[in-house]
Amino acid sequence: MGHIKEPEGVDFVINSPPLTDKERKEISEFIKKLKSKRIRRKKKVKKEAV
């Protein structure tokens, strides 16, 4: 994936509404689950290599 250059006179700006507390908590929980799965996989791979 490469870098996208902005054409002259054009700005790529993303305006998104602020997150609610509920949305922040849901995102945090999702990220924690992903990280824990990744850590478990790494441990499993290390054990298999040994």
N, C-alpha and C. Protein backbone atom coordinates (compact mmCIF):
# COMPACT_ATOMS: atom_id res chain seq x y z
N MET A 1 0.85 -1.16 0.00
CA MET A 1 0.00 0.00 0.00
C MET A 1 0.90 1.23 0.00
N GLY A 2 0.63 2.13 -0.88
CA GLY A 2 1.48 3.29 -1.02
C GLY A 2 0.89 4.55 -0.41
N HIS A 3 1.65 5.59 -0.46
CA HIS A 3 1.25 6.89 0.06
C HIS A 3 0.42 7.60 -1.00
N ILE A 4 -0.73 8.15 -0.61
CA ILE A 4 -1.58 8.89 -1.55
C ILE A 4 -1.25 10.37 -1.41
N LYS A 5 -0.84 10.95 -2.50
CA LYS A 5 -0.48 12.36 -2.51
C LYS A 5 -1.73 13.20 -2.72
N GLU A 6 -1.87 14.27 -1.97
CA GLU A 6 -3.00 15.17 -2.15
C GLU A 6 -2.77 16.03 -3.39
N PRO A 7 -3.75 16.09 -4.27
CA PRO A 7 -3.61 16.98 -5.43
C PRO A 7 -3.58 18.44 -4.95
N GLU A 8 -3.00 19.29 -5.75
CA GLU A 8 -2.93 20.70 -5.36
C GLU A 8 -4.34 21.28 -5.23
N GLY A 9 -4.56 22.02 -4.15
CA GLY A 9 -5.86 22.66 -3.93
C GLY A 9 -6.91 21.75 -3.32
N VAL A 10 -6.55 20.50 -3.01
CA VAL A 10 -7.52 19.57 -2.43
C VAL A 10 -6.98 19.08 -1.09
N ASP A 11 -7.82 19.14 -0.06
CA ASP A 11 -7.45 18.65 1.26
C ASP A 11 -8.34 17.46 1.61
N PHE A 12 -7.72 16.37 2.04
CA PHE A 12 -8.47 15.21 2.49
C PHE A 12 -8.67 15.36 3.99
N VAL A 13 -9.86 15.74 4.40
CA VAL A 13 -10.16 15.94 5.81
C VAL A 13 -11.35 15.06 6.17
N ILE A 14 -11.21 14.34 7.27
CA ILE A 14 -12.31 13.47 7.71
C ILE A 14 -12.88 14.05 8.99
N ASN A 15 -14.13 14.42 8.95
CA ASN A 15 -14.82 14.93 10.14
C ASN A 15 -15.80 13.88 10.60
N SER A 16 -15.55 13.31 11.75
CA SER A 16 -16.47 12.32 12.28
C SER A 16 -17.02 12.82 13.61
N PRO A 17 -18.25 12.41 13.93
CA PRO A 17 -18.83 12.86 15.21
C PRO A 17 -18.08 12.23 16.37
N PRO A 18 -18.05 12.91 17.51
CA PRO A 18 -17.35 12.36 18.68
C PRO A 18 -18.01 11.07 19.15
N LEU A 19 -17.21 10.17 19.72
CA LEU A 19 -17.72 8.89 20.21
C LEU A 19 -18.42 9.07 21.55
N THR A 20 -19.45 8.28 21.77
CA THR A 20 -20.11 8.27 23.07
C THR A 20 -19.30 7.38 24.00
N ASP A 21 -19.60 7.47 25.30
CA ASP A 21 -18.89 6.63 26.27
C ASP A 21 -19.13 5.15 25.97
N LYS A 22 -20.34 4.81 25.57
CA LYS A 22 -20.67 3.40 25.25
C LYS A 22 -19.84 2.92 24.07
N GLU A 23 -19.74 3.74 23.04
CA GLU A 23 -18.96 3.37 21.85
C GLU A 23 -17.49 3.21 22.20
N ARG A 24 -16.95 4.10 23.04
CA ARG A 24 -15.54 4.00 23.45
C ARG A 24 -15.29 2.68 24.17
N LYS A 25 -16.21 2.31 25.07
CA LYS A 25 -16.06 1.07 25.83
C LYS A 25 -16.12 -0.14 24.90
N GLU A 26 -17.05 -0.13 23.94
CA GLU A 26 -17.18 -1.24 23.00
C GLU A 26 -15.90 -1.40 22.16
N ILE A 27 -15.36 -0.28 21.70
CA ILE A 27 -14.14 -0.33 20.90
C ILE A 27 -12.98 -0.84 21.74
N SER A 28 -12.87 -0.36 22.98
CA SER A 28 -11.79 -0.81 23.87
C SER A 28 -11.88 -2.30 24.12
N GLU A 29 -13.07 -2.82 24.37
CA GLU A 29 -13.25 -4.25 24.60
C GLU A 29 -12.87 -5.06 23.37
N PHE A 30 -13.26 -4.57 22.20
CA PHE A 30 -12.93 -5.24 20.95
C PHE A 30 -11.41 -5.31 20.75
N ILE A 31 -10.73 -4.20 21.00
CA ILE A 31 -9.28 -4.17 20.85
C ILE A 31 -8.62 -5.12 21.84
N LYS A 32 -9.10 -5.16 23.08
CA LYS A 32 -8.54 -6.08 24.08
C LYS A 32 -8.69 -7.52 23.63
N LYS A 33 -9.85 -7.87 23.06
CA LYS A 33 -10.06 -9.23 22.58
C LYS A 33 -9.09 -9.57 21.45
N LEU A 34 -8.90 -8.64 20.52
CA LEU A 34 -7.97 -8.88 19.42
C LEU A 34 -6.55 -9.09 19.93
N LYS A 35 -6.13 -8.24 20.88
CA LYS A 35 -4.78 -8.35 21.42
C LYS A 35 -4.59 -9.66 22.17
N SER A 36 -5.60 -10.07 22.94
CA SER A 36 -5.46 -11.31 23.69
C SER A 36 -5.38 -12.51 22.75
N LYS A 37 -6.12 -12.48 21.65
CA LYS A 37 -6.04 -13.56 20.66
C LYS A 37 -4.65 -13.60 20.04
N ARG A 38 -4.10 -12.43 19.74
CA ARG A 38 -2.78 -12.34 19.12
C ARG A 38 -1.72 -12.88 20.07
N ILE A 39 -1.82 -12.54 21.36
CA ILE A 39 -0.85 -13.00 22.36
C ILE A 39 -0.94 -14.52 22.50
N ARG A 40 -2.16 -15.06 22.53
CA ARG A 40 -2.33 -16.52 22.65
C ARG A 40 -1.70 -17.22 21.46
N ARG A 41 -1.88 -16.67 20.25
CA ARG A 41 -1.30 -17.28 19.05
C ARG A 41 0.22 -17.28 19.12
N LYS A 42 0.80 -16.17 19.57
CA LYS A 42 2.25 -16.08 19.66
C LYS A 42 2.79 -17.11 20.65
N LYS A 43 2.12 -17.27 21.79
CA LYS A 43 2.55 -18.24 22.79
C LYS A 43 2.45 -19.65 22.22
N LYS A 44 1.39 -19.93 21.48
CA LYS A 44 1.18 -21.24 20.90
C LYS A 44 2.28 -21.55 19.88
N VAL A 45 2.62 -20.58 19.06
CA VAL A 45 3.65 -20.76 18.03
C VAL A 45 5.00 -21.01 18.70
N LYS A 46 5.31 -20.26 19.77
CA LYS A 46 6.58 -20.45 20.47
C LYS A 46 6.67 -21.84 21.07
N LYS A 47 5.57 -22.33 21.66
CA LYS A 47 5.57 -23.66 22.25
C LYS A 47 5.79 -24.74 21.18
N GLU A 48 5.16 -24.57 20.02
CA GLU A 48 5.32 -25.54 18.94
C GLU A 48 6.74 -25.55 18.40
N ALA A 49 7.40 -24.39 18.39
CA ALA A 49 8.77 -24.29 17.88
C ALA A 49 9.77 -24.96 18.81
N VAL A 50 9.46 -24.96 20.10
CA VAL A 50 10.38 -25.52 21.10
C VAL A 50 10.20 -26.98 21.15
